[in-house]
Amino acid sequence: MPASPAAATDAPRALLVFTSLPDAASAETLASALIGWRLAACVNILAPCTSIYRWQGATETATEVPLLIKTTPAHYAALEAAIRAHHPYELPEIVAVPVTQGLPGYLDWIVAETAGDD
């Protein structure tokens, strides 16, 4: 039996937002705050990784802890503002990718969990 088709829409119902923190403690603090403020339905704290990047004319290497944040387009501006206000970096990575397809029930869950209706 074929799998049921994933939801596809013209306007994304969800976003995956990426940011990276310098350590696990700051990653967990930010992730918990975003959930508490209902700006995200789920935040995955990924394994530490090595980032190599150019900063102010020099090549830098740092260990970082990536976050994968599930939210909605309606919450993006507030989410970005919250990350910027509580992030230790001068210029934090904040990249949003629209979710163009996904399991309909999961996308509904993201919308419901960020709606603020308990």
PDB file of N, CA and C in Angstrom:
ATOM      1  N   MET A   1       0.844  -1.171   0.000  1.00  0.00           N
ATOM      2  CA  MET A   1       0.000   0.000   0.000  1.00  0.00           C
ATOM      3  C   MET A   1       0.890   1.234   0.000  1.00  0.00           C
ATOM      4  N   PRO A   2       0.689   2.159  -0.935  1.00  0.00           N
ATOM      5  CA  PRO A   2       1.536   3.349  -0.984  1.00  0.00           C
ATOM      6  C   PRO A   2       1.272   4.256   0.211  1.00  0.00           C
ATOM      7  N   ALA A   3       2.321   4.962   0.595  1.00  0.00           N
ATOM      8  CA  ALA A   3       2.196   5.914   1.709  1.00  0.00           C
ATOM      9  C   ALA A   3       1.310   7.068   1.290  1.00  0.00           C
ATOM     10  N   SER A   4       0.612   7.638   2.255  1.00  0.00           N
ATOM     11  CA  SER A   4      -0.222   8.796   1.944  1.00  0.00           C
ATOM     12  C   SER A   4       0.669   9.975   1.602  1.00  0.00           C
ATOM     13  N   PRO A   5       0.216  10.833   0.698  1.00  0.00           N
ATOM     14  CA  PRO A   5       1.056  11.953   0.276  1.00  0.00           C
ATOM     15  C   PRO A   5       1.255  12.945   1.412  1.00  0.00           C
ATOM     16  N   ALA A   6       2.423  13.550   1.425  1.00  0.00           N
ATOM     17  CA  ALA A   6       2.711  14.590   2.406  1.00  0.00           C
ATOM     18  C   ALA A   6       1.994  15.867   1.998  1.00  0.00           C
ATOM     19  N   ALA A   7       1.736  16.704   2.955  1.00  0.00           N
ATOM     20  CA  ALA A   7       1.074  17.974   2.680  1.00  0.00           C
ATOM     21  C   ALA A   7       2.011  18.870   1.880  1.00  0.00           C
ATOM     22  N   ALA A   8       1.510  19.466   0.837  1.00  0.00           N
ATOM     23  CA  ALA A   8       2.271  20.425   0.043  1.00  0.00           C
ATOM     24  C   ALA A   8       1.391  21.644  -0.177  1.00  0.00           C
ATOM     25  N   THR A   9       1.926  22.804   0.099  1.00  0.00           N
ATOM     26  CA  THR A   9       1.169  24.032  -0.062  1.00  0.00           C
ATOM     27  C   THR A   9       2.042  25.074  -0.719  1.00  0.00           C
ATOM     28  N   ASP A  10       1.400  26.126  -1.234  1.00  0.00           N
ATOM     29  CA  ASP A  10       2.164  27.225  -1.812  1.00  0.00           C
ATOM     30  C   ASP A  10       2.890  28.007  -0.726  1.00  0.00           C
ATOM     31  N   ALA A  11       2.194  28.311   0.352  1.00  0.00           N
ATOM     32  CA  ALA A  11       2.801  29.032   1.472  1.00  0.00           C
ATOM     33  C   ALA A  11       3.190  28.026   2.545  1.00  0.00           C
ATOM     34  N   PRO A  12       4.433  28.077   3.009  1.00  0.00           N
ATOM     35  CA  PRO A  12       4.830  27.105   4.030  1.00  0.00           C
ATOM     36  C   PRO A  12       4.086  27.325   5.339  1.00  0.00           C
ATOM     37  N   ARG A  13       3.701  26.231   5.984  1.00  0.00           N
ATOM     38  CA  ARG A  13       3.049  26.293   7.293  1.00  0.00           C
ATOM     39  C   ARG A  13       4.074  26.226   8.405  1.00  0.00           C
ATOM     40  N   ALA A  14       5.276  25.810   8.068  1.00  0.00           N
ATOM     41  CA  ALA A  14       6.315  25.646   9.083  1.00  0.00           C
ATOM     42  C   ALA A  14       7.662  26.082   8.524  1.00  0.00           C
ATOM     43  N   LEU A  15       8.555  26.392   9.456  1.00  0.00           N
ATOM     44  CA  LEU A  15       9.937  26.725   9.122  1.00  0.00           C
ATOM     45  C   LEU A  15      10.865  25.867   9.971  1.00  0.00           C
ATOM     46  N   LEU A  16      12.016  25.528   9.410  1.00  0.00           N
ATOM     47  CA  LEU A  16      13.124  24.972  10.173  1.00  0.00           C
ATOM     48  C   LEU A  16      14.139  26.097  10.295  1.00  0.00           C
ATOM     49  N   VAL A  17      14.467  26.462  11.513  1.00  0.00           N
ATOM     50  CA  VAL A  17      15.403  27.559  11.752  1.00  0.00           C
ATOM     51  C   VAL A  17      16.648  26.980  12.410  1.00  0.00           C
ATOM     52  N   PHE A  18      17.795  27.352  11.876  1.00  0.00           N
ATOM     53  CA  PHE A  18      19.074  26.876  12.386  1.00  0.00           C
ATOM     54  C   PHE A  18      19.799  28.005  13.105  1.00  0.00           C
ATOM     55  N   THR A  19      20.397  27.682  14.218  1.00  0.00           N
ATOM     56  CA  THR A  19      21.341  28.562  14.887  1.00  0.00           C
ATOM     57  C   THR A  19      22.352  27.675  15.590  1.00  0.00           C
ATOM     58  N   SER A  20      23.476  28.252  15.988  1.00  0.00           N
ATOM     59  CA  SER A  20      24.508  27.497  16.696  1.00  0.00           C
ATOM     60  C   SER A  20      24.943  28.287  17.919  1.00  0.00           C
ATOM     61  N   LEU A  21      25.190  27.566  19.003  1.00  0.00           N
ATOM     62  CA  LEU A  21      25.613  28.159  20.268  1.00  0.00           C
ATOM     63  C   LEU A  21      27.003  27.650  20.624  1.00  0.00           C
ATOM     64  N   PRO A  22      27.717  28.358  21.503  1.00  0.00           N
ATOM     65  CA  PRO A  22      29.089  27.950  21.802  1.00  0.00           C
ATOM     66  C   PRO A  22      29.222  26.726  22.708  1.00  0.00           C
ATOM     67  N   ASP A  23      28.141  26.349  23.413  1.00  0.00           N
ATOM     68  CA  ASP A  23      28.240  25.204  24.321  1.00  0.00           C
ATOM     69  C   ASP A  23      26.851  24.641  24.608  1.00  0.00           C
ATOM     70  N   ALA A  24      26.832  23.456  25.212  1.00  0.00           N
ATOM     71  CA  ALA A  24      25.567  22.760  25.476  1.00  0.00           C
ATOM     72  C   ALA A  24      24.690  23.519  26.460  1.00  0.00           C
ATOM     73  N   ALA A  25      25.290  24.145  27.458  1.00  0.00           N
ATOM     74  CA  ALA A  25      24.491  24.859  28.463  1.00  0.00           C
ATOM     75  C   ALA A  25      23.731  26.026  27.842  1.00  0.00           C
ATOM     76  N   SER A  26      24.398  26.825  27.018  1.00  0.00           N
ATOM     77  CA  SER A  26      23.700  27.954  26.389  1.00  0.00           C
ATOM     78  C   SER A  26      22.687  27.464  25.367  1.00  0.00           C
ATOM     79  N   ALA A  27      22.971  26.343  24.700  1.00  0.00           N
ATOM     80  CA  ALA A  27      22.014  25.773  23.746  1.00  0.00           C
ATOM     81  C   ALA A  27      20.749  25.320  24.465  1.00  0.00           C
ATOM     82  N   GLU A  28      20.910  24.643  25.599  1.00  0.00           N
ATOM     83  CA  GLU A  28      19.743  24.172  26.345  1.00  0.00           C
ATOM     84  C   GLU A  28      18.947  25.336  26.932  1.00  0.00           C
ATOM     85  N   THR A  29      19.627  26.355  27.401  1.00  0.00           N
ATOM     86  CA  THR A  29      18.942  27.528  27.952  1.00  0.00           C
ATOM     87  C   THR A  29      18.096  28.205  26.881  1.00  0.00           C
ATOM     88  N   LEU A  30      18.677  28.425  25.700  1.00  0.00           N
ATOM     89  CA  LEU A  30      17.931  29.074  24.625  1.00  0.00           C
ATOM     90  C   LEU A  30      16.791  28.186  24.144  1.00  0.00           C
ATOM     91  N   ALA A  31      17.048  26.902  23.956  1.00  0.00           N
ATOM     92  CA  ALA A  31      16.006  25.981  23.488  1.00  0.00           C
ATOM     93  C   ALA A  31      14.824  25.967  24.449  1.00  0.00           C
ATOM     94  N   SER A  32      15.094  25.870  25.730  1.00  0.00           N
ATOM     95  CA  SER A  32      14.017  25.850  26.727  1.00  0.00           C
ATOM     96  C   SER A  32      13.228  27.152  26.726  1.00  0.00           C
ATOM     97  N   ALA A  33      13.917  28.270  26.578  1.00  0.00           N
ATOM     98  CA  ALA A  33      13.234  29.565  26.544  1.00  0.00           C
ATOM     99  C   ALA A  33      12.324  29.675  25.326  1.00  0.00           C
ATOM    100  N   LEU A  34      12.801  29.248  24.165  1.00  0.00           N
ATOM    101  CA  LEU A  34      11.985  29.335  22.946  1.00  0.00           C
ATOM    102  C   LEU A  34      10.723  28.492  23.070  1.00  0.00           C
ATOM    103  N   ILE A  35      10.837  27.325  23.684  1.00  0.00           N
ATOM    104  CA  ILE A  35       9.660  26.485  23.919  1.00  0.00           C
ATOM    105  C   ILE A  35       8.731  27.165  24.924  1.00  0.00           C
ATOM    106  N   GLY A  36       9.290  27.672  25.998  1.00  0.00           N
ATOM    107  CA  GLY A  36       8.487  28.333  27.024  1.00  0.00           C
ATOM    108  C   GLY A  36       7.733  29.542  26.508  1.00  0.00           C
ATOM    109  N   TRP A  37       8.354  30.275  25.599  1.00  0.00           N
ATOM    110  CA  TRP A  37       7.709  31.455  25.002  1.00  0.00           C
ATOM    111  C   TRP A  37       6.781  31.083  23.851  1.00  0.00           C
ATOM    112  N   ARG A  38       6.675  29.813  23.538  1.00  0.00           N
ATOM    113  CA  ARG A  38       5.843  29.273  22.447  1.00  0.00           C
ATOM    114  C   ARG A  38       6.235  29.826  21.082  1.00  0.00           C
ATOM    115  N   LEU A  39       7.500  30.147  20.948  1.00  0.00           N
ATOM    116  CA  LEU A  39       8.026  30.578  19.657  1.00  0.00           C
ATOM    117  C   LEU A  39       8.464  29.387  18.820  1.00  0.00           C
ATOM    118  N   ALA A  40       8.576  28.228  19.449  1.00  0.00           N
ATOM    119  CA  ALA A  40       8.958  26.994  18.767  1.00  0.00           C
ATOM    120  C   ALA A  40       8.144  25.847  19.337  1.00  0.00           C
ATOM    121  N   ALA A  41       7.805  24.899  18.466  1.00  0.00           N
ATOM    122  CA  ALA A  41       7.109  23.686  18.909  1.00  0.00           C
ATOM    123  C   ALA A  41       8.106  22.649  19.405  1.00  0.00           C
ATOM    124  N   CYS A  42       9.293  22.658  18.824  1.00  0.00           N
ATOM    125  CA  CYS A  42      10.329  21.685  19.158  1.00  0.00           C
ATOM    126  C   CYS A  42      11.678  22.291  18.808  1.00  0.00           C
ATOM    127  N   VAL A  43      12.662  22.020  19.637  1.00  0.00           N
ATOM    128  CA  VAL A  43      14.037  22.413  19.336  1.00  0.00           C
ATOM    129  C   VAL A  43      14.921  21.191  19.545  1.00  0.00           C
ATOM    130  N   ASN A  44      15.582  20.768  18.491  1.00  0.00           N
ATOM    131  CA  ASN A  44      16.557  19.685  18.601  1.00  0.00           C
ATOM    132  C   ASN A  44      17.919  20.299  18.905  1.00  0.00           C
ATOM    133  N   ILE A  45      18.541  19.827  19.975  1.00  0.00           N
ATOM    134  CA  ILE A  45      19.909  20.216  20.296  1.00  0.00           C
ATOM    135  C   ILE A  45      20.795  19.125  19.709  1.00  0.00           C
ATOM    136  N   LEU A  46      21.533  19.470  18.678  1.00  0.00           N
ATOM    137  CA  LEU A  46      22.327  18.482  17.957  1.00  0.00           C
ATOM    138  C   LEU A  46      23.694  18.307  18.616  1.00  0.00           C
ATOM    139  N   ALA A  47      24.414  17.308  18.166  1.00  0.00           N
ATOM    140  CA  ALA A  47      25.743  17.020  18.708  1.00  0.00           C
ATOM    141  C   ALA A  47      26.701  18.161  18.383  1.00  0.00           C
ATOM    142  N   PRO A  48      27.635  18.437  19.278  1.00  0.00           N
ATOM    143  CA  PRO A  48      28.624  19.474  18.985  1.00  0.00           C
ATOM    144  C   PRO A  48      29.344  19.166  17.675  1.00  0.00           C
ATOM    145  N   CYS A  49      29.686  20.225  16.970  1.00  0.00           N
ATOM    146  CA  CYS A  49      30.370  20.078  15.695  1.00  0.00           C
ATOM    147  C   CYS A  49      31.476  21.120  15.599  1.00  0.00           C
ATOM    148  N   THR A  50      32.349  20.926  14.643  1.00  0.00           N
ATOM    149  CA  THR A  50      33.401  21.894  14.379  1.00  0.00           C
ATOM    150  C   THR A  50      32.957  22.793  13.245  1.00  0.00           C
ATOM    151  N   SER A  51      32.987  24.091  13.484  1.00  0.00           N
ATOM    152  CA  SER A  51      32.658  25.070  12.452  1.00  0.00           C
ATOM    153  C   SER A  51      33.938  25.781  12.035  1.00  0.00           C
ATOM    154  N   ILE A  52      34.128  25.910  10.738  1.00  0.00           N
ATOM    155  CA  ILE A  52      35.259  26.646  10.183  1.00  0.00           C
ATOM    156  C   ILE A  52      34.666  27.750   9.327  1.00  0.00           C
ATOM    157  N   TYR A  53      35.047  28.986   9.609  1.00  0.00           N
ATOM    158  CA  TYR A  53      34.420  30.127   8.948  1.00  0.00           C
ATOM    159  C   TYR A  53      35.392  31.305   8.922  1.00  0.00           C
ATOM    160  N   ARG A  54      35.069  32.269   8.061  1.00  0.00           N
ATOM    161  CA  ARG A  54      35.843  33.505   8.022  1.00  0.00           C
ATOM    162  C   ARG A  54      35.155  34.525   8.908  1.00  0.00           C
ATOM    163  N   TRP A  55      35.923  35.223   9.731  1.00  0.00           N
ATOM    164  CA  TRP A  55      35.372  36.268  10.599  1.00  0.00           C
ATOM    165  C   TRP A  55      36.405  37.381  10.711  1.00  0.00           C
ATOM    166  N   GLN A  56      36.006  38.565  10.298  1.00  0.00           N
ATOM    167  CA  GLN A  56      36.842  39.757  10.372  1.00  0.00           C
ATOM    168  C   GLN A  56      38.214  39.522   9.748  1.00  0.00           C
ATOM    169  N   GLY A  57      38.197  38.905   8.558  1.00  0.00           N
ATOM    170  CA  GLY A  57      39.408  38.728   7.772  1.00  0.00           C
ATOM    171  C   GLY A  57      40.270  37.533   8.125  1.00  0.00           C
ATOM    172  N   ALA A  58      39.860  36.742   9.103  1.00  0.00           N
ATOM    173  CA  ALA A  58      40.662  35.584   9.503  1.00  0.00           C
ATOM    174  C   ALA A  58      39.818  34.316   9.462  1.00  0.00           C
ATOM    175  N   THR A  59      40.480  33.202   9.233  1.00  0.00           N
ATOM    176  CA  THR A  59      39.806  31.916   9.297  1.00  0.00           C
ATOM    177  C   THR A  59      39.760  31.475  10.756  1.00  0.00           C
ATOM    178  N   GLU A  60      38.565  31.131  11.212  1.00  0.00           N
ATOM    179  CA  GLU A  60      38.342  30.731  12.601  1.00  0.00           C
ATOM    180  C   GLU A  60      37.847  29.286  12.646  1.00  0.00           C
ATOM    181  N   THR A  61      38.130  28.614  13.731  1.00  0.00           N
ATOM    182  CA  THR A  61      37.622  27.267  13.993  1.00  0.00           C
ATOM    183  C   THR A  61      37.039  27.271  15.400  1.00  0.00           C
ATOM    184  N   ALA A  62      35.817  26.750  15.529  1.00  0.00           N
ATOM    185  CA  ALA A  62      35.163  26.728  16.839  1.00  0.00           C
ATOM    186  C   ALA A  62      34.299  25.481  16.959  1.00  0.00           C
ATOM    187  N   THR A  63      34.167  24.992  18.173  1.00  0.00           N
ATOM    188  CA  THR A  63      33.200  23.941  18.459  1.00  0.00           C
ATOM    189  C   THR A  63      31.885  24.624  18.789  1.00  0.00           C
ATOM    190  N   GLU A  64      30.813  24.191  18.132  1.00  0.00           N
ATOM    191  CA  GLU A  64      29.500  24.793  18.332  1.00  0.00           C
ATOM    192  C   GLU A  64      28.451  23.702  18.509  1.00  0.00           C
ATOM    193  N   VAL A  65      27.338  24.087  19.118  1.00  0.00           N
ATOM    194  CA  VAL A  65      26.209  23.184  19.316  1.00  0.00           C
ATOM    195  C   VAL A  65      25.047  23.711  18.480  1.00  0.00           C
ATOM    196  N   PRO A  66      24.706  23.019  17.383  1.00  0.00           N
ATOM    197  CA  PRO A  66      23.622  23.485  16.518  1.00  0.00           C
ATOM    198  C   PRO A  66      22.245  23.214  17.129  1.00  0.00           C
ATOM    199  N   LEU A  67      21.322  24.127  16.857  1.00  0.00           N
ATOM    200  CA  LEU A  67      19.915  23.945  17.203  1.00  0.00           C
ATOM    201  C   LEU A  67      19.112  23.883  15.920  1.00  0.00           C
ATOM    202  N   LEU A  68      18.145  22.973  15.872  1.00  0.00           N
ATOM    203  CA  LEU A  68      17.184  22.862  14.780  1.00  0.00           C
ATOM    204  C   LEU A  68      15.827  23.187  15.385  1.00  0.00           C
ATOM    205  N   ILE A  69      15.282  24.336  15.002  1.00  0.00           N
ATOM    206  CA  ILE A  69      14.081  24.887  15.626  1.00  0.00           C
ATOM    207  C   ILE A  69      12.909  24.755  14.666  1.00  0.00           C
ATOM    208  N   LYS A  70      11.783  24.203  15.155  1.00  0.00           N
ATOM    209  CA  LYS A  70      10.568  24.092  14.349  1.00  0.00           C
ATOM    210  C   LYS A  70       9.591  25.171  14.793  1.00  0.00           C
ATOM    211  N   THR A  71       9.192  26.025  13.855  1.00  0.00           N
ATOM    212  CA  THR A  71       8.282  27.125  14.148  1.00  0.00           C
ATOM    213  C   THR A  71       7.409  27.393  12.934  1.00  0.00           C
ATOM    214  N   THR A  72       6.667  28.497  12.978  1.00  0.00           N
ATOM    215  CA  THR A  72       5.809  28.893  11.860  1.00  0.00           C
ATOM    216  C   THR A  72       6.279  30.234  11.311  1.00  0.00           C
ATOM    217  N   PRO A  73       5.928  30.535  10.062  1.00  0.00           N
ATOM    218  CA  PRO A  73       6.283  31.844   9.515  1.00  0.00           C
ATOM    219  C   PRO A  73       5.748  33.003  10.359  1.00  0.00           C
ATOM    220  N   ALA A  74       4.577  32.832  10.948  1.00  0.00           N
ATOM    221  CA  ALA A  74       3.986  33.895  11.767  1.00  0.00           C
ATOM    222  C   ALA A  74       4.832  34.212  12.997  1.00  0.00           C
ATOM    223  N   HIS A  75       5.623  33.262  13.462  1.00  0.00           N
ATOM    224  CA  HIS A  75       6.438  33.461  14.662  1.00  0.00           C
ATOM    225  C   HIS A  75       7.894  33.797  14.355  1.00  0.00           C
ATOM    226  N   TYR A  76       8.251  33.850  13.066  1.00  0.00           N
ATOM    227  CA  TYR A  76       9.666  34.020  12.734  1.00  0.00           C
ATOM    228  C   TYR A  76      10.260  35.323  13.278  1.00  0.00           C
ATOM    229  N   ALA A  77       9.597  36.435  13.093  1.00  0.00           N
ATOM    230  CA  ALA A  77      10.165  37.723  13.527  1.00  0.00           C
ATOM    231  C   ALA A  77      10.427  37.725  15.032  1.00  0.00           C
ATOM    232  N   ALA A  78       9.475  37.236  15.811  1.00  0.00           N
ATOM    233  CA  ALA A  78       9.652  37.187  17.266  1.00  0.00           C
ATOM    234  C   ALA A  78      10.739  36.184  17.647  1.00  0.00           C
ATOM    235  N   LEU A  79      10.805  35.063  16.935  1.00  0.00           N
ATOM    236  CA  LEU A  79      11.842  34.064  17.190  1.00  0.00           C
ATOM    237  C   LEU A  79      13.218  34.652  16.917  1.00  0.00           C
ATOM    238  N   GLU A  80      13.367  35.311  15.780  1.00  0.00           N
ATOM    239  CA  GLU A  80      14.649  35.929  15.441  1.00  0.00           C
ATOM    240  C   GLU A  80      15.049  36.955  16.497  1.00  0.00           C
ATOM    241  N   ALA A  81      14.105  37.787  16.906  1.00  0.00           N
ATOM    242  CA  ALA A  81      14.392  38.801  17.930  1.00  0.00           C
ATOM    243  C   ALA A  81      14.818  38.147  19.243  1.00  0.00           C
ATOM    244  N   ALA A  82      14.158  37.066  19.623  1.00  0.00           N
ATOM    245  CA  ALA A  82      14.501  36.368  20.868  1.00  0.00           C
ATOM    246  C   ALA A  82      15.892  35.747  20.782  1.00  0.00           C
ATOM    247  N   ILE A  83      16.207  35.132  19.656  1.00  0.00           N
ATOM    248  CA  ILE A  83      17.541  34.551  19.492  1.00  0.00           C
ATOM    249  C   ILE A  83      18.593  35.652  19.577  1.00  0.00           C
ATOM    250  N   ARG A  84      18.383  36.746  18.855  1.00  0.00           N
ATOM    251  CA  ARG A  84      19.363  37.840  18.869  1.00  0.00           C
ATOM    252  C   ARG A  84      19.545  38.413  20.267  1.00  0.00           C
ATOM    253  N   ALA A  85      18.457  38.546  21.012  1.00  0.00           N
ATOM    254  CA  ALA A  85      18.522  39.139  22.349  1.00  0.00           C
ATOM    255  C   ALA A  85      19.216  38.233  23.366  1.00  0.00           C
ATOM    256  N   HIS A  86      19.156  36.920  23.156  1.00  0.00           N
ATOM    257  CA  HIS A  86      19.672  35.977  24.152  1.00  0.00           C
ATOM    258  C   HIS A  86      20.868  35.161  23.667  1.00  0.00           C
ATOM    259  N   HIS A  87      21.407  35.502  22.515  1.00  0.00           N
ATOM    260  CA  HIS A  87      22.526  34.763  21.939  1.00  0.00           C
ATOM    261  C   HIS A  87      23.832  35.447  22.312  1.00  0.00           C
ATOM    262  N   PRO A  88      24.853  34.692  22.685  1.00  0.00           N
ATOM    263  CA  PRO A  88      26.110  35.323  23.093  1.00  0.00           C
ATOM    264  C   PRO A  88      26.964  35.869  21.943  1.00  0.00           C
ATOM    265  N   TYR A  89      26.666  35.489  20.699  1.00  0.00           N
ATOM    266  CA  TYR A  89      27.496  35.942  19.585  1.00  0.00           C
ATOM    267  C   TYR A  89      27.074  37.330  19.118  1.00  0.00           C
ATOM    268  N   GLU A  90      28.039  38.074  18.625  1.00  0.00           N
ATOM    269  CA  GLU A  90      27.775  39.391  18.037  1.00  0.00           C
ATOM    270  C   GLU A  90      26.892  39.263  16.795  1.00  0.00           C
ATOM    271  N   LEU A  91      27.170  38.276  15.973  1.00  0.00           N
ATOM    272  CA  LEU A  91      26.416  38.045  14.741  1.00  0.00           C
ATOM    273  C   LEU A  91      26.048  36.560  14.671  1.00  0.00           C
ATOM    274  N   PRO A  92      24.953  36.165  15.316  1.00  0.00           N
ATOM    275  CA  PRO A  92      24.612  34.738  15.347  1.00  0.00           C
ATOM    276  C   PRO A  92      24.082  34.238  14.002  1.00  0.00           C
ATOM    277  N   GLU A  93      24.362  32.983  13.743  1.00  0.00           N
ATOM    278  CA  GLU A  93      23.744  32.307  12.602  1.00  0.00           C
ATOM    279  C   GLU A  93      22.253  32.155  12.909  1.00  0.00           C
ATOM    280  N   ILE A  94      21.415  32.717  12.042  1.00  0.00           N
ATOM    281  CA  ILE A  94      19.968  32.493  12.116  1.00  0.00           C
ATOM    282  C   ILE A  94      19.510  32.315  10.674  1.00  0.00           C
ATOM    283  N   VAL A  95      19.198  31.090  10.310  1.00  0.00           N
ATOM    284  CA  VAL A  95      18.823  30.761   8.939  1.00  0.00           C
ATOM    285  C   VAL A  95      17.512  29.992   8.979  1.00  0.00           C
ATOM    286  N   ALA A  96      16.522  30.476   8.240  1.00  0.00           N
ATOM    287  CA  ALA A  96      15.213  29.815   8.191  1.00  0.00           C
ATOM    288  C   ALA A  96      15.010  29.172   6.828  1.00  0.00           C
ATOM    289  N   VAL A  97      14.528  27.946   6.848  1.00  0.00           N
ATOM    290  CA  VAL A  97      14.236  27.196   5.626  1.00  0.00           C
ATOM    291  C   VAL A  97      12.753  26.835   5.649  1.00  0.00           C
ATOM    292  N   PRO A  98      12.006  27.213   4.608  1.00  0.00           N
ATOM    293  CA  PRO A  98      10.584  26.863   4.599  1.00  0.00           C
ATOM    294  C   PRO A  98      10.380  25.359   4.436  1.00  0.00           C
ATOM    295  N   VAL A  99       9.404  24.843   5.145  1.00  0.00           N
ATOM    296  CA  VAL A  99       9.012  23.440   5.008  1.00  0.00           C
ATOM    297  C   VAL A  99       7.932  23.402   3.933  1.00  0.00           C
ATOM    298  N   THR A 100       8.268  22.868   2.776  1.00  0.00           N
ATOM    299  CA  THR A 100       7.316  22.845   1.666  1.00  0.00           C
ATOM    300  C   THR A 100       6.488  21.566   1.638  1.00  0.00           C
ATOM    301  N   GLN A 101       6.956  20.534   2.317  1.00  0.00           N
ATOM    302  CA  GLN A 101       6.207  19.287   2.425  1.00  0.00           C
ATOM    303  C   GLN A 101       6.476  18.686   3.791  1.00  0.00           C
ATOM    304  N   GLY A 102       5.503  17.915   4.275  1.00  0.00           N
ATOM    305  CA  GLY A 102       5.680  17.242   5.552  1.00  0.00           C
ATOM    306  C   GLY A 102       4.429  16.481   5.926  1.00  0.00           C
ATOM    307  N   LEU A 103       4.551  15.631   6.905  1.00  0.00           N
ATOM    308  CA  LEU A 103       3.415  14.873   7.399  1.00  0.00           C
ATOM    309  C   LEU A 103       2.372  15.863   7.905  1.00  0.00           C
ATOM    310  N   PRO A 104       1.161  15.845   7.359  1.00  0.00           N
ATOM    311  CA  PRO A 104       0.154  16.845   7.732  1.00  0.00           C
ATOM    312  C   PRO A 104      -0.081  16.957   9.234  1.00  0.00           C
ATOM    313  N   GLY A 105      -0.162  15.834   9.925  1.00  0.00           N
ATOM    314  CA  GLY A 105      -0.381  15.876  11.365  1.00  0.00           C
ATOM    315  C   GLY A 105       0.759  16.545  12.111  1.00  0.00           C
ATOM    316  N   TYR A 106       1.986  16.340  11.653  1.00  0.00           N
ATOM    317  CA  TYR A 106       3.139  16.972  12.300  1.00  0.00           C
ATOM    318  C   TYR A 106       3.126  18.477  12.071  1.00  0.00           C
ATOM    319  N   LEU A 107       2.811  18.886  10.855  1.00  0.00           N
ATOM    320  CA  LEU A 107       2.725  20.321  10.567  1.00  0.00           C
ATOM    321  C   LEU A 107       1.611  20.964  11.384  1.00  0.00           C
ATOM    322  N   ASP A 108       0.484  20.270  11.523  1.00  0.00           N
ATOM    323  CA  ASP A 108      -0.607  20.764  12.381  1.00  0.00           C
ATOM    324  C   ASP A 108      -0.124  20.928  13.817  1.00  0.00           C
ATOM    325  N   TRP A 109       0.660  19.974  14.289  1.00  0.00           N
ATOM    326  CA  TRP A 109       1.186  20.020  15.651  1.00  0.00           C
ATOM    327  C   TRP A 109       2.084  21.242  15.857  1.00  0.00           C
ATOM    328  N   ILE A 110       2.949  21.541  14.891  1.00  0.00           N
ATOM    329  CA  ILE A 110       3.808  22.729  14.994  1.00  0.00           C
ATOM    330  C   ILE A 110       2.955  23.980  15.128  1.00  0.00           C
ATOM    331  N   VAL A 111       1.935  24.091  14.290  1.00  0.00           N
ATOM    332  CA  VAL A 111       1.042  25.257  14.339  1.00  0.00           C
ATOM    333  C   VAL A 111       0.342  25.334  15.693  1.00  0.00           C
ATOM    334  N   ALA A 112      -0.191  24.212  16.161  1.00  0.00           N
ATOM    335  CA  ALA A 112      -0.935  24.200  17.427  1.00  0.00           C
ATOM    336  C   ALA A 112      -0.040  24.536  18.617  1.00  0.00           C
ATOM    337  N   GLU A 113       1.168  24.000  18.645  1.00  0.00           N
ATOM    338  CA  GLU A 113       2.049  24.208  19.799  1.00  0.00           C
ATOM    339  C   GLU A 113       2.622  25.613  19.870  1.00  0.00           C
ATOM    340  N   THR A 114       2.605  26.331  18.773  1.00  0.00           N
ATOM    341  CA  THR A 114       3.075  27.717  18.791  1.00  0.00           C
ATOM    342  C   THR A 114       1.919  28.705  18.840  1.00  0.00           C
ATOM    343  N   ALA A 115       0.692  28.199  18.877  1.00  0.00           N
ATOM    344  CA  ALA A 115      -0.484  29.080  18.865  1.00  0.00           C
ATOM    345  C   ALA A 115      -0.715  29.768  20.201  1.00  0.00           C
ATOM    346  N   GLY A 116      -0.230  29.188  21.278  1.00  0.00           N
ATOM    347  CA  GLY A 116      -0.391  29.803  22.585  1.00  0.00           C
ATOM    348  C   GLY A 116      -1.698  29.488  23.267  1.00  0.00           C
ATOM    349  N   ASP A 117      -2.505  28.607  22.691  1.00  0.00           N
ATOM    350  CA  ASP A 117      -3.773  28.217  23.304  1.00  0.00           C
ATOM    351  C   ASP A 117      -3.562  26.939  24.102  1.00  0.00           C
ATOM    352  N   ASP A 118      -3.575  27.046  25.413  1.00  0.00           N
ATOM    353  CA  ASP A 118      -3.389  25.853  26.256  1.00  0.00           C
ATOM    354  C   ASP A 118      -4.700  25.192  26.558  1.00  0.00           C
TER     355      ASP A 118
END
